[in-house]
Protein backbone atom coordinates (compact mmCIF):
# COMPACT_ATOMS: atom_id res chain seq x y z
CA MET A 1 -0.19 -0.12 0.14
CA PHE A 2 2.58 2.41 1.02
CA LEU A 3 6.01 0.98 -1.19
CA ASN A 4 3.94 1.33 -4.54
CA LEU A 5 6.30 -1.87 -5.50
CA ALA A 6 6.09 -3.19 -9.04
CA HIS A 7 3.88 -6.29 -7.96
CA THR A 8 1.47 -4.03 -6.68
CA ARG A 9 0.65 -3.60 -10.73
CA LEU A 10 0.30 -7.04 -11.67
CA GLU A 11 -2.71 -8.20 -12.97
CA VAL A 12 -2.88 -11.35 -10.64
CA TYR A 13 -2.19 -8.97 -7.42
CA LYS A 14 -5.09 -6.95 -8.34
CA THR A 15 -7.37 -10.16 -8.92
CA SER A 16 -5.87 -11.47 -5.66
CA GLN A 17 -7.31 -8.58 -3.93
CA GLU A 18 -10.60 -8.83 -5.53
CA LEU A 19 -10.82 -12.60 -4.40
CA ALA A 20 -10.30 -11.47 -0.76
CA LEU A 21 -12.89 -8.84 -1.18
CA GLU A 22 -15.25 -11.25 -2.49
CA CYS A 23 -14.56 -13.85 0.14
CA TYR A 24 -15.21 -11.02 2.72
CA ARG A 25 -18.43 -10.21 0.95
CA ILE A 26 -19.73 -13.46 0.76
CA THR A 27 -18.99 -14.82 3.94
CA LYS A 28 -20.76 -12.03 5.56
CA LYS A 29 -23.89 -13.52 4.48
CA PHE A 30 -23.09 -17.12 6.16
CA PRO A 31 -25.15 -18.20 9.15
CA PRO A 32 -23.79 -17.00 12.58
CA ASP A 33 -23.04 -20.54 13.59
CA GLU A 34 -20.29 -20.55 10.80
CA ARG A 35 -18.58 -17.74 11.92
CA PHE A 36 -15.40 -19.42 13.76
CA ALA A 37 -15.67 -22.18 11.07
CA LEU A 38 -16.01 -21.86 7.47
CA VAL A 39 -15.96 -18.22 7.40
CA GLN A 40 -12.52 -17.93 9.29
CA GLN A 41 -11.37 -20.48 7.20
CA ILE A 42 -12.44 -18.87 3.67
CA ARG A 43 -11.17 -15.59 4.82
CA ARG A 44 -7.95 -16.72 6.17
CA ALA A 45 -7.43 -18.46 2.94
CA ALA A 46 -8.19 -15.44 0.84
CA ILE A 47 -5.63 -13.29 2.43
CA SER A 48 -3.03 -16.10 2.26
CA VAL A 49 -3.15 -16.00 -1.50
CA HIS A 50 -2.99 -12.39 -1.56
CA LEU A 51 0.09 -12.16 1.12
CA ASN A 52 1.99 -15.40 -0.30
CA LEU A 53 1.77 -14.00 -3.64
CA ALA A 54 3.19 -10.23 -2.27
CA GLU A 55 5.70 -11.90 -0.32
CA GLY A 56 6.67 -14.49 -3.23
CA CYS A 57 7.43 -11.31 -5.63
CA SER A 58 10.04 -10.14 -2.92
CA ARG A 59 11.95 -13.51 -3.51
CA LYS A 60 15.06 -13.09 -5.46
CA SER A 61 15.50 -17.06 -6.90
CA GLN A 62 12.70 -18.27 -9.20
CA LYS A 63 12.80 -21.38 -6.76
CA GLU A 64 11.78 -19.23 -3.90
CA ARG A 65 9.41 -17.49 -5.70
CA ASN A 66 7.21 -20.33 -7.25
CA ARG A 67 7.38 -21.97 -3.81
CA TYR A 68 5.04 -18.87 -2.68
CA PHE A 69 3.22 -18.80 -5.73
CA GLU A 70 2.46 -22.63 -5.36
CA MET A 71 1.17 -21.74 -1.70
CA SER A 72 -0.91 -18.86 -2.74
CA ARG A 73 -2.56 -21.10 -5.55
CA GLY A 74 -2.75 -24.18 -3.06
CA SER A 75 -5.10 -21.40 -0.74
CA VAL A 76 -6.91 -20.54 -4.24
CA ILE A 77 -7.92 -24.40 -4.15
CA GLU A 78 -8.88 -24.39 -0.36
CA ILE A 79 -11.36 -21.33 -0.83
CA ASP A 80 -12.87 -23.04 -3.91
CA SER A 81 -13.34 -26.28 -1.96
CA ALA A 82 -15.03 -24.32 1.18
CA ILE A 83 -17.24 -22.81 -1.16
CA GLY A 84 -18.37 -25.89 -2.70
CA ILE A 85 -19.31 -27.03 1.10
CA SER A 86 -20.54 -23.76 2.17
CA PHE A 87 -22.94 -24.33 -0.96
CA LYS A 88 -24.07 -27.82 0.08
CA LEU A 89 -24.87 -26.52 3.45
CA GLU A 90 -26.82 -23.87 1.84
CA ASP A 91 -25.04 -21.30 3.35
CA VAL A 92 -24.82 -19.72 -0.03
CA SER A 93 -27.01 -19.66 -2.98
CA LEU A 94 -26.02 -20.01 -6.57
CA GLU A 95 -27.33 -16.89 -7.50
CA GLU A 96 -24.28 -15.33 -5.08
CA LEU A 97 -21.75 -17.29 -6.38
CA PRO A 98 -20.75 -15.88 -9.75
CA ALA A 99 -18.78 -13.21 -8.33
CA VAL A 100 -16.24 -15.25 -6.00
CA GLY A 101 -16.47 -17.80 -8.56
CA ASN A 102 -14.91 -15.82 -11.24
CA SER A 103 -12.27 -14.52 -9.05
CA ILE A 104 -11.45 -18.17 -8.17
CA ILE A 105 -10.89 -19.25 -11.68
CA LYS A 106 -9.24 -16.01 -12.83
CA THR A 107 -6.59 -15.84 -9.67
CA PHE A 108 -5.91 -19.76 -9.97
CA LYS A 109 -4.94 -19.29 -13.92
CA LEU A 110 -2.67 -16.53 -13.40
CA LEU A 111 -0.83 -17.97 -10.78
CA SER A 112 -0.93 -21.19 -12.79
CA GLY A 113 0.63 -19.02 -15.39
CA MET A 114 3.19 -17.21 -13.17
CA ILE A 115 4.38 -20.44 -11.73
CA LYS A 116 4.63 -21.97 -15.39
CA SER A 117 6.57 -18.87 -16.50
CA GLU A 118 9.03 -19.24 -13.71
CA ASP A 119 9.78 -22.84 -14.46
CA SER A 120 10.93 -22.52 -17.86
CA PRO A 121 14.08 -21.44 -18.58
CA HIS A 122 14.87 -17.74 -19.31
């Protein structure tokens, strides 16, 4: 926010931030008995996506960057799974899912592209 580093201008950074915001929006609607279960799990994973991406961008070696990007992508998968459970539990309706679903897909694809490009020789 204050440092204005290069990674803050990346599309994946902006998309992961939007994913976090969507996760907070959607979990606000969950029932109170999920406040310390799925709500916290989804929110923690969403923040993890964004923060691991930021930290990975600050690392010097490709191997280190990839490790953080892979952790970030793993958290996207965690969110997707938790939202799936929430849907089955009827904590969220099908009509409420498009925004968070689009953010999940876009963030996953962008992170996968970053990992793939980091794996390839330069």
